[in-house]
C-alpha atoms as a PDB file:
ATOM      1  CA  UNK A   1     124.152  72.650  89.516  1.00  0.00           C
ATOM      2  CA  UNK A   2     121.221  74.117  87.613  1.00  0.00           C
ATOM      3  CA  UNK A   3     121.307  77.900  87.281  1.00  0.00           C
ATOM      4  CA  UNK A   4     118.002  79.666  86.744  1.00  0.00           C
ATOM      5  CA  UNK A   5     118.055  83.327  85.688  1.00  0.00           C
ATOM      6  CA  UNK A   6     115.007  85.343  86.699  1.00  0.00           C
ATOM      7  CA  UNK A   7     114.398  88.937  85.666  1.00  0.00           C
ATOM      8  CA  UNK A   8     112.532  91.923  87.042  1.00  0.00           C
ATOM      9  CA  UNK A   9     108.897  91.193  86.319  1.00  0.00           C
ATOM     10  CA  UNK A  10     109.329  87.613  87.585  1.00  0.00           C
ATOM     11  CA  UNK A  11     110.677  88.847  90.931  1.00  0.00           C
ATOM     12  CA  UNK A  12     108.680  89.886  93.968  1.00  0.00           C
ATOM     13  CA  UNK A  13     109.492  92.453  96.642  1.00  0.00           C
ATOM     14  CA  UNK A  14     110.504  89.504  98.842  1.00  0.00           C
ATOM     15  CA  UNK A  15     112.936  88.350  96.132  1.00  0.00           C
ATOM     16  CA  UNK A  16     114.306  91.884  95.973  1.00  0.00           C
ATOM     17  CA  UNK A  17     114.722  91.979  99.746  1.00  0.00           C
ATOM     18  CA  UNK A  18     116.769  88.773  99.541  1.00  0.00           C
ATOM     19  CA  UNK A  19     119.149  90.623  97.188  1.00  0.00           C
ATOM     20  CA  UNK A  20     119.542  93.305  99.863  1.00  0.00           C
ATOM     21  CA  UNK A  21     120.373  90.562 102.373  1.00  0.00           C
ATOM     22  CA  UNK A  22     123.033  89.201 100.016  1.00  0.00           C
ATOM     23  CA  UNK A  23     124.404  92.725  99.523  1.00  0.00           C
ATOM     24  CA  UNK A  24     124.730  93.142 103.304  1.00  0.00           C
ATOM     25  CA  UNK A  25     126.357  89.718 103.621  1.00  0.00           C
ATOM     26  CA  UNK A  26     129.025  90.621 101.061  1.00  0.00           C
ATOM     27  CA  UNK A  27     129.564  94.339 101.611  1.00  0.00           C
ATOM     28  CA  UNK A  28     128.438  94.870 105.218  1.00  0.00           C
ATOM     29  CA  UNK A  29     125.384  96.454 106.811  1.00  0.00           C
ATOM     30  CA  UNK A  30     126.354 100.002 105.815  1.00  0.00           C
ATOM     31  CA  UNK A  31     125.898  99.218 102.102  1.00  0.00           C
ATOM     32  CA  UNK A  32     122.088  99.591 102.391  1.00  0.00           C
ATOM     33  CA  UNK A  33     121.332 102.814 104.209  1.00  0.00           C
ATOM     34  CA  UNK A  34     117.735 103.288 103.120  1.00  0.00           C
ATOM     35  CA  UNK A  35     115.857 100.057 102.474  1.00  0.00           C
ATOM     36  CA  UNK A  36     112.610 101.915 101.793  1.00  0.00           C
ATOM     37  CA  UNK A  37     114.237 103.934  98.991  1.00  0.00           C
ATOM     38  CA  UNK A  38     115.812 100.762  97.565  1.00  0.00           C
ATOM     39  CA  UNK A  39     112.397  99.086  97.371  1.00  0.00           C
ATOM     40  CA  UNK A  40     110.906 102.181  95.701  1.00  0.00           C
ATOM     41  CA  UNK A  41     113.674 102.136  93.053  1.00  0.00           C
ATOM     42  CA  UNK A  42     113.016  98.434  92.416  1.00  0.00           C
ATOM     43  CA  UNK A  43     109.268  98.979  92.040  1.00  0.00           C
ATOM     44  CA  UNK A  44     109.812 101.917  89.673  1.00  0.00           C
ATOM     45  CA  UNK A  45     112.230  99.991  87.385  1.00  0.00           C
ATOM     46  CA  UNK A  46     111.529  96.288  88.013  1.00  0.00           C
ATOM     47  CA  UNK A  47     113.244  95.153  84.832  1.00  0.00           C
ATOM     48  CA  UNK A  48     116.477  96.435  86.389  1.00  0.00           C
ATOM     49  CA  UNK A  49     117.001  93.345  88.521  1.00  0.00           C
ATOM     50  CA  UNK A  50     118.429  90.090  87.190  1.00  0.00           C
ATOM     51  CA  UNK A  51     118.956  87.264  89.687  1.00  0.00           C
ATOM     52  CA  UNK A  52     120.550  83.821  89.490  1.00  0.00           C
ATOM     53  CA  UNK A  53     119.123  80.947  91.523  1.00  0.00           C
ATOM     54  CA  UNK A  54     119.774  77.314  92.116  1.00  0.00           C
ATOM     55  CA  UNK A  55     116.482  75.931  93.338  1.00  0.00           C
ATOM     56  CA  UNK A  56     115.182  78.595  95.731  1.00  0.00           C
ATOM     57  CA  UNK A  57     118.669  79.768  96.722  1.00  0.00           C
ATOM     58  CA  UNK A  58     119.819  83.166  95.484  1.00  0.00           C
ATOM     59  CA  UNK A  59     123.303  82.808  94.014  1.00  0.00           C
ATOM     60  CA  UNK A  60     123.815  86.380  92.855  1.00  0.00           C
ATOM     61  CA  UNK A  61     122.269  89.349  91.117  1.00  0.00           C
ATOM     62  CA  UNK A  62     122.942  92.425  89.037  1.00  0.00           C
ATOM     63  CA  UNK A  63     120.855  95.575  89.353  1.00  0.00           C
ATOM     64  CA  UNK A  64     120.683  98.535  87.004  1.00  0.00           C
ATOM     65  CA  UNK A  65     118.461 101.513  86.311  1.00  0.00           C
ATOM     66  CA  UNK A  66     117.601 103.959  83.606  1.00  0.00           C
ATOM     67  CA  UNK A  67     118.691 107.248  85.164  1.00  0.00           C
ATOM     68  CA  UNK A  68     118.435 110.972  84.517  1.00  0.00           C
ATOM     69  CA  UNK A  69     121.361 112.487  82.610  1.00  0.00           C
ATOM     70  CA  UNK A  70     122.067 114.561  85.726  1.00  0.00           C
ATOM     71  CA  UNK A  71     123.106 111.374  87.569  1.00  0.00           C
ATOM     72  CA  UNK A  72     125.820 110.735  84.987  1.00  0.00           C
ATOM     73  CA  UNK A  73     126.845 114.412  85.135  1.00  0.00           C
ATOM     74  CA  UNK A  74     127.178 114.268  88.943  1.00  0.00           C
ATOM     75  CA  UNK A  75     129.206 111.073  88.729  1.00  0.00           C
ATOM     76  CA  UNK A  76     131.614 112.402  86.097  1.00  0.00           C
ATOM     77  CA  UNK A  77     131.969 116.095  86.837  1.00  0.00           C
ATOM     78  CA  UNK A  78     131.441 116.177  90.611  1.00  0.00           C
ATOM     79  CA  UNK A  79     133.087 112.788  91.171  1.00  0.00           C
ATOM     80  CA  UNK A  80     130.014 111.800  93.170  1.00  0.00           C
ATOM     81  CA  UNK A  81     129.749 108.168  94.162  1.00  0.00           C
ATOM     82  CA  UNK A  82     126.190 107.112  93.293  1.00  0.00           C
ATOM     83  CA  UNK A  83     124.985 104.090  95.220  1.00  0.00           C
ATOM     84  CA  UNK A  84     122.318 103.810  97.883  1.00  0.00           C
ATOM     85  CA  UNK A  85     121.966 107.608  97.641  1.00  0.00           C
ATOM     86  CA  UNK A  86     120.293 107.262  94.218  1.00  0.00           C
ATOM     87  CA  UNK A  87     116.934 108.954  94.673  1.00  0.00           C
ATOM     88  CA  UNK A  88     113.845 107.344  93.189  1.00  0.00           C
ATOM     89  CA  UNK A  89     113.192 110.596  91.264  1.00  0.00           C
ATOM     90  CA  UNK A  90     116.471 110.023  89.374  1.00  0.00           C
ATOM     91  CA  UNK A  91     115.310 106.572  88.218  1.00  0.00           C
ATOM     92  CA  UNK A  92     113.602 106.811  84.835  1.00  0.00           C
ATOM     93  CA  UNK A  93     111.859 104.373  82.526  1.00  0.00           C
ATOM     94  CA  UNK A  94     113.615 103.873  79.221  1.00  0.00           C
ATOM     95  CA  UNK A  95     112.180 106.166  76.554  1.00  0.00           C
ATOM     96  CA  UNK A  96     111.703 105.049  72.971  1.00  0.00           C
ATOM     97  CA  UNK A  97     113.260 107.382  70.415  1.00  0.00           C
ATOM     98  CA  UNK A  98     115.380 109.144  73.047  1.00  0.00           C
ATOM     99  CA  UNK A  99     118.795 108.537  74.504  1.00  0.00           C
ATOM    100  CA  UNK A 100     118.902 106.633  77.785  1.00  0.00           C
ATOM    101  CA  UNK A 101     121.612 106.410  80.437  1.00  0.00           C
ATOM    102  CA  UNK A 102     122.065 103.170  82.376  1.00  0.00           C
ATOM    103  CA  UNK A 103     123.632 102.951  85.821  1.00  0.00           C
ATOM    104  CA  UNK A 104     124.700  99.459  86.849  1.00  0.00           C
ATOM    105  CA  UNK A 105     124.213  99.862  90.568  1.00  0.00           C
ATOM    106  CA  UNK A 106     125.221  96.508  91.935  1.00  0.00           C
ATOM    107  CA  UNK A 107     126.655  93.101  91.158  1.00  0.00           C
ATOM    108  CA  UNK A 108     126.917  90.567  93.952  1.00  0.00           C
ATOM    109  CA  UNK A 109     127.577  86.836  93.892  1.00  0.00           C
ATOM    110  CA  UNK A 110     127.501  84.795  97.085  1.00  0.00           C
ATOM    111  CA  UNK A 111     131.008  83.591  97.935  1.00  0.00           C
ATOM    112  CA  UNK A 112     129.928  79.941  97.856  1.00  0.00           C
ATOM    113  CA  UNK A 113     128.860  80.343  94.194  1.00  0.00           C
ATOM    114  CA  UNK A 114     131.828  82.306  92.863  1.00  0.00           C
ATOM    115  CA  UNK A 115     133.934  80.898  90.009  1.00  0.00           C
ATOM    116  CA  UNK A 116     130.897  79.121  88.514  1.00  0.00           C
ATOM    117  CA  UNK A 117     130.219  81.679  85.763  1.00  0.00           C
ATOM    118  CA  UNK A 118     127.351  83.392  87.628  1.00  0.00           C
ATOM    119  CA  UNK A 119     128.694  86.912  87.062  1.00  0.00           C
ATOM    120  CA  UNK A 120     129.184  86.156  83.372  1.00  0.00           C
ATOM    121  CA  UNK A 121     125.609  84.862  83.011  1.00  0.00           C
ATOM    122  CA  UNK A 122     124.210  87.913  84.807  1.00  0.00           C
ATOM    123  CA  UNK A 123     126.200  90.265  82.563  1.00  0.00           C
ATOM    124  CA  UNK A 124     125.168  88.359  79.422  1.00  0.00           C
ATOM    125  CA  UNK A 125     121.506  88.620  80.417  1.00  0.00           C
ATOM    126  CA  UNK A 126     121.956  92.358  80.962  1.00  0.00           C
ATOM    127  CA  UNK A 127     123.694  92.784  77.579  1.00  0.00           C
ATOM    128  CA  UNK A 128     120.870  90.845  75.885  1.00  0.00           C
ATOM    129  CA  UNK A 129     118.285  93.112  77.533  1.00  0.00           C
ATOM    130  CA  UNK A 130     120.142  96.306  76.535  1.00  0.00           C
ATOM    131  CA  UNK A 131     120.705  95.107  72.960  1.00  0.00           C
ATOM    132  CA  UNK A 132     117.030  94.215  72.605  1.00  0.00           C
ATOM    133  CA  UNK A 133     115.883  97.576  73.996  1.00  0.00           C
ATOM    134  CA  UNK A 134     118.375  99.497  71.851  1.00  0.00           C
ATOM    135  CA  UNK A 135     117.217  97.641  68.725  1.00  0.00           C
ATOM    136  CA  UNK A 136     113.588  98.443  69.641  1.00  0.00           C
ATOM    137  CA  UNK A 137     114.422 102.166  69.587  1.00  0.00           C
ATOM    138  CA  UNK A 138     115.254 102.747  73.259  1.00  0.00           C
ATOM    139  CA  UNK A 139     118.624 104.266  72.450  1.00  0.00           C
ATOM    140  CA  UNK A 140     121.215 103.381  75.061  1.00  0.00           C
ATOM    141  CA  UNK A 141     123.575 106.361  75.249  1.00  0.00           C
ATOM    142  CA  UNK A 142     125.734 105.541  78.267  1.00  0.00           C
ATOM    143  CA  UNK A 143     126.338 102.653  80.623  1.00  0.00           C
ATOM    144  CA  UNK A 144     128.282 103.473  83.740  1.00  0.00           C
ATOM    145  CA  UNK A 145     129.057 101.894  87.080  1.00  0.00           C
ATOM    146  CA  UNK A 146     131.282 102.116  90.116  1.00  0.00           C
ATOM    147  CA  UNK A 147     133.740  99.487  91.309  1.00  0.00           C
ATOM    148  CA  UNK A 148     134.376  99.434  95.056  1.00  0.00           C
ATOM    149  CA  UNK A 149     136.337  96.181  95.277  1.00  0.00           C
ATOM    150  CA  UNK A 150     139.456  94.873  93.557  1.00  0.00           C
ATOM    151  CA  UNK A 151     137.324  92.119  92.003  1.00  0.00           C
ATOM    152  CA  UNK A 152     134.832  94.660  90.643  1.00  0.00           C
ATOM    153  CA  UNK A 153     137.654  96.763  89.224  1.00  0.00           C
ATOM    154  CA  UNK A 154     139.185  93.741  87.479  1.00  0.00           C
ATOM    155  CA  UNK A 155     135.789  92.651  86.178  1.00  0.00           C
ATOM    156  CA  UNK A 156     135.167  96.046  84.578  1.00  0.00           C
ATOM    157  CA  UNK A 157     138.613  96.090  82.955  1.00  0.00           C
ATOM    158  CA  UNK A 158     138.024  92.557  81.668  1.00  0.00           C
ATOM    159  CA  UNK A 159     134.741  93.710  80.095  1.00  0.00           C
ATOM    160  CA  UNK A 160     136.541  96.565  78.347  1.00  0.00           C
ATOM    161  CA  UNK A 161     135.201  99.381  80.498  1.00  0.00           C
ATOM    162  CA  UNK A 162     137.055 102.694  80.585  1.00  0.00           C
ATOM    163  CA  UNK A 163     137.997 104.162  83.955  1.00  0.00           C
ATOM    164  CA  UNK A 164     136.922 107.795  84.229  1.00  0.00           C
ATOM    165  CA  UNK A 165     138.233 108.525  87.731  1.00  0.00           C
ATOM    166  CA  UNK A 166     139.404 106.794  90.891  1.00  0.00           C
ATOM    167  CA  UNK A 167     139.511 108.084  94.442  1.00  0.00           C
ATOM    168  CA  UNK A 168     139.184 106.629  97.931  1.00  0.00           C
ATOM    169  CA  UNK A 169     139.053 103.069  96.575  1.00  0.00           C
ATOM    170  CA  UNK A 170     136.154 103.841  94.220  1.00  0.00           C
ATOM    171  CA  UNK A 171     136.457 103.868  90.417  1.00  0.00           C
ATOM    172  CA  UNK A 172     133.861 105.202  87.999  1.00  0.00           C
ATOM    173  CA  UNK A 173     133.733 103.190  84.772  1.00  0.00           C
ATOM    174  CA  UNK A 174     131.942 103.756  81.496  1.00  0.00           C
ATOM    175  CA  UNK A 175     131.128 100.899  79.144  1.00  0.00           C
ATOM    176  CA  UNK A 176     130.717 101.525  75.438  1.00  0.00           C
ATOM    177  CA  UNK A 177     127.788 100.299  73.349  1.00  0.00           C
ATOM    178  CA  UNK A 178     130.038  97.716  71.742  1.00  0.00           C
ATOM    179  CA  UNK A 179     129.902  95.833  75.057  1.00  0.00           C
ATOM    180  CA  UNK A 180     126.301  94.792  74.439  1.00  0.00           C
ATOM    181  CA  UNK A 181     125.916  95.323  70.691  1.00  0.00           C
ATOM    182  CA  UNK A 182     128.748  92.990  69.674  1.00  0.00           C
ATOM    183  CA  UNK A 183     127.426  89.982  71.567  1.00  0.00           C
END
């Protein structure tokens, strides 16, 4: 099986909408509450989508955004779960010479493609992107994400992420720079 990784600028709105379909398939219809806002976030930070394909079939994807420091503050100090409620105004382009916070919003791999290394390839592509940006002067200060499944929780622990809090089946994790710099 050939795996093709495509990133943000190579992906169309239709490609993005297929990631929303996969999200719904895996997590249920309630996972995407505002499709219009999701599309706006994608268009504002297109490089924040990495997708794996075999032929024209979407196997899985990871999405992330540069976000305002206030998003991290809300997540940590208010124990706010940031997901589809992430407002487009909180999505920021990475700034050279300044610190940048990264929210990994989503990782989804179609069940029929699990255990083929798709998640690993998506993460590696993300780490490569972050390392490159950091080395170009776009200083990556924080990387954080939420795990809402047992598999997501295990994946974050395997990657070396640190749990900040857990409640109601949701865990906030922070990943250190060594995650992407050491690779």
